[in-house]
């Protein structure tokens, strides 16, 4: 990560996280208008103590978080990098930070869901060691969803 980038650990109550998630939602609904009504119920911003935000020159440019799936597994959520900052490896840096945080908390597995058009994201996840897995609830039977997982 370049010197002008800084990553912080915070919570979902951080105002910069809300701004970035709004941009994420806007980009997803633009890319997948046919899914907006079907997926909206899974797109609730929950209170989350495990959020990372990346700053460039004191401007929030990317975010992600994880939530506890079960006693050993986390689920990566809300992975977003602003358009102007893509291609800098920020998503991989955030993913590594979240996995490290989760490991520190005793978790041993990470899973995630992405959508079928997110080719760059799927390549990045594969580079980080994630493999396709069966869709888990609430994504079972949703053909637009791609679920991935790995041991951390």
Protein backbone atom coordinates (compact mmCIF):
# COMPACT_ATOMS: atom_id res chain seq x y z
CA UNK A 1 0.00 0.00 0.00
CA UNK A 2 1.39 3.38 -0.97
CA UNK A 3 2.55 5.77 1.73
CA UNK A 4 -0.41 8.10 1.31
CA UNK A 5 -2.84 5.31 2.27
CA UNK A 6 -3.74 4.66 5.90
CA UNK A 7 -6.00 1.86 7.17
CA UNK A 8 -7.93 2.06 10.42
CA UNK A 9 -10.01 -0.38 12.43
CA UNK A 10 -13.32 1.06 13.58
CA UNK A 11 -17.03 0.22 13.82
CA UNK A 12 -20.03 0.60 11.54
CA UNK A 13 -20.99 3.70 13.48
CA UNK A 14 -18.11 5.64 11.89
CA UNK A 15 -19.65 8.29 9.57
CA UNK A 16 -17.14 7.60 6.78
CA UNK A 17 -18.27 3.97 6.68
CA UNK A 18 -21.87 5.04 6.08
CA UNK A 19 -20.80 7.32 3.22
CA UNK A 20 -18.76 4.56 1.55
CA UNK A 21 -21.54 1.97 1.97
CA UNK A 22 -23.98 4.37 0.30
CA UNK A 23 -21.58 4.59 -2.66
CA UNK A 24 -21.28 0.79 -2.70
CA UNK A 25 -25.06 0.37 -2.75
CA UNK A 26 -25.41 2.93 -5.54
CA UNK A 27 -22.82 1.12 -7.67
CA UNK A 28 -24.41 -2.30 -7.04
CA UNK A 29 -27.91 -1.17 -7.93
CA UNK A 30 -26.59 0.48 -11.10
CA UNK A 31 -24.84 -2.76 -12.11
CA UNK A 32 -27.66 -5.09 -11.03
CA UNK A 33 -31.00 -3.25 -11.33
CA UNK A 34 -32.81 -6.57 -11.72
CA UNK A 35 -31.69 -7.68 -8.24
CA UNK A 36 -32.52 -4.58 -6.21
CA UNK A 37 -35.85 -5.80 -4.87
CA UNK A 38 -34.71 -9.40 -4.38
CA UNK A 39 -31.50 -8.58 -2.51
CA UNK A 40 -32.62 -5.51 -0.59
CA UNK A 41 -33.54 -7.56 2.47
CA UNK A 42 -29.95 -8.84 2.72
CA UNK A 43 -28.54 -5.35 2.39
CA UNK A 44 -29.23 -3.98 5.84
CA UNK A 45 -26.44 -2.03 7.50
CA UNK A 46 -26.07 -3.80 10.83
CA UNK A 47 -24.18 -2.52 13.87
CA UNK A 48 -20.76 -4.04 13.36
CA UNK A 49 -17.66 -3.78 15.58
CA UNK A 50 -15.27 -5.03 12.87
CA UNK A 51 -14.90 -2.40 10.14
CA UNK A 52 -11.83 -1.23 8.26
CA UNK A 53 -11.59 2.03 6.33
CA UNK A 54 -8.72 3.10 4.07
CA UNK A 55 -7.84 6.77 3.75
CA UNK A 56 -5.88 8.54 1.06
CA UNK A 57 -4.70 11.97 2.13
CA UNK A 58 -7.32 11.96 4.91
CA UNK A 59 -10.17 11.08 2.51
CA UNK A 60 -12.06 7.79 3.06
CA UNK A 61 -11.66 5.81 -0.18
CA UNK A 62 -12.47 2.20 0.67
CA UNK A 63 -14.07 0.03 3.33
CA UNK A 64 -14.96 -3.48 4.34
CA UNK A 65 -16.01 -5.38 7.44
CA UNK A 66 -16.72 -8.82 8.77
CA UNK A 67 -19.47 -10.26 10.87
CA UNK A 68 -19.52 -13.40 12.96
CA UNK A 69 -21.17 -16.23 11.03
CA UNK A 70 -20.65 -18.88 13.73
CA UNK A 71 -18.12 -19.62 16.47
CA UNK A 72 -15.31 -20.31 13.99
CA UNK A 73 -16.37 -18.44 10.83
CA UNK A 74 -16.58 -14.83 9.75
CA UNK A 75 -18.34 -13.41 6.71
CA UNK A 76 -16.65 -10.62 4.76
CA UNK A 77 -19.12 -7.85 3.97
CA UNK A 78 -19.26 -4.39 2.37
CA UNK A 79 -16.04 -4.61 0.35
CA UNK A 80 -15.82 -1.36 -1.60
CA UNK A 81 -13.09 0.71 -3.24
CA UNK A 82 -14.02 4.07 -4.80
CA UNK A 83 -13.60 4.06 -8.58
CA UNK A 84 -10.65 6.48 -8.63
CA UNK A 85 -8.68 4.25 -6.22
CA UNK A 86 -9.20 0.85 -7.84
CA UNK A 87 -6.13 -1.00 -9.02
CA UNK A 88 -4.01 0.01 -6.01
CA UNK A 89 -4.42 -3.26 -4.12
CA UNK A 90 -6.64 -1.69 -1.46
CA UNK A 91 -9.19 -4.51 -1.46
CA UNK A 92 -6.49 -7.10 -0.82
CA UNK A 93 -4.99 -4.97 1.96
CA UNK A 94 -8.41 -4.64 3.61
CA UNK A 95 -9.07 -8.36 3.23
CA UNK A 96 -5.73 -9.22 4.86
CA UNK A 97 -6.44 -6.77 7.70
CA UNK A 98 -9.88 -8.29 8.32
CA UNK A 99 -8.50 -11.83 8.27
CA UNK A 100 -5.73 -10.86 10.70
CA UNK A 101 -8.27 -9.22 13.02
CA UNK A 102 -10.54 -12.27 12.84
CA UNK A 103 -7.63 -14.62 13.57
CA UNK A 104 -6.71 -12.50 16.59
CA UNK A 105 -10.30 -13.02 17.80
CA UNK A 106 -10.05 -16.81 17.39
CA UNK A 107 -11.85 -17.33 14.07
CA UNK A 108 -10.43 -19.94 11.68
CA UNK A 109 -12.58 -19.60 8.52
CA UNK A 110 -13.76 -16.79 6.29
CA UNK A 111 -16.62 -16.84 3.78
CA UNK A 112 -18.13 -14.22 1.51
CA UNK A 113 -20.74 -13.64 -1.16
CA UNK A 114 -20.25 -11.59 -4.28
CA UNK A 115 -22.26 -11.19 -7.46
CA UNK A 116 -21.55 -12.81 -10.79
CA UNK A 117 -20.44 -9.62 -12.62
CA UNK A 118 -17.78 -8.81 -10.00
CA UNK A 119 -14.98 -10.44 -11.98
CA UNK A 120 -12.16 -8.30 -10.58
CA UNK A 121 -13.35 -9.04 -7.04
CA UNK A 122 -13.51 -12.78 -7.70
CA UNK A 123 -9.97 -12.72 -9.12
CA UNK A 124 -8.72 -10.82 -6.07
CA UNK A 125 -10.43 -13.27 -3.70
CA UNK A 126 -8.95 -16.22 -5.61
CA UNK A 127 -5.50 -14.60 -5.41
CA UNK A 128 -6.04 -14.35 -1.63
CA UNK A 129 -6.78 -18.10 -1.45
CA UNK A 130 -10.57 -18.13 -1.56
CA UNK A 131 -12.31 -20.94 -3.44
CA UNK A 132 -15.87 -21.25 -4.66
CA UNK A 133 -18.14 -22.96 -2.14
CA UNK A 134 -21.81 -23.92 -2.08
CA UNK A 135 -24.05 -20.94 -1.54
CA UNK A 136 -24.91 -20.56 2.13
CA UNK A 137 -28.06 -18.96 3.58
CA UNK A 138 -29.49 -16.53 2.59
CA UNK A 139 -27.88 -17.06 -0.85
CA UNK A 140 -28.98 -20.69 -1.43
CA UNK A 141 -30.74 -20.88 -4.80
CA UNK A 142 -29.68 -17.38 -5.84
CA UNK A 143 -27.98 -17.83 -9.19
CA UNK A 144 -26.53 -14.30 -9.20
CA UNK A 145 -24.59 -15.04 -5.99
CA UNK A 146 -21.11 -16.52 -5.94
CA UNK A 147 -19.98 -17.73 -2.50
CA UNK A 148 -16.33 -18.27 -1.65
CA UNK A 149 -14.42 -19.36 1.44
CA UNK A 150 -11.04 -20.20 2.91
CA UNK A 151 -9.42 -21.23 6.15
CA UNK A 152 -7.59 -18.35 7.82
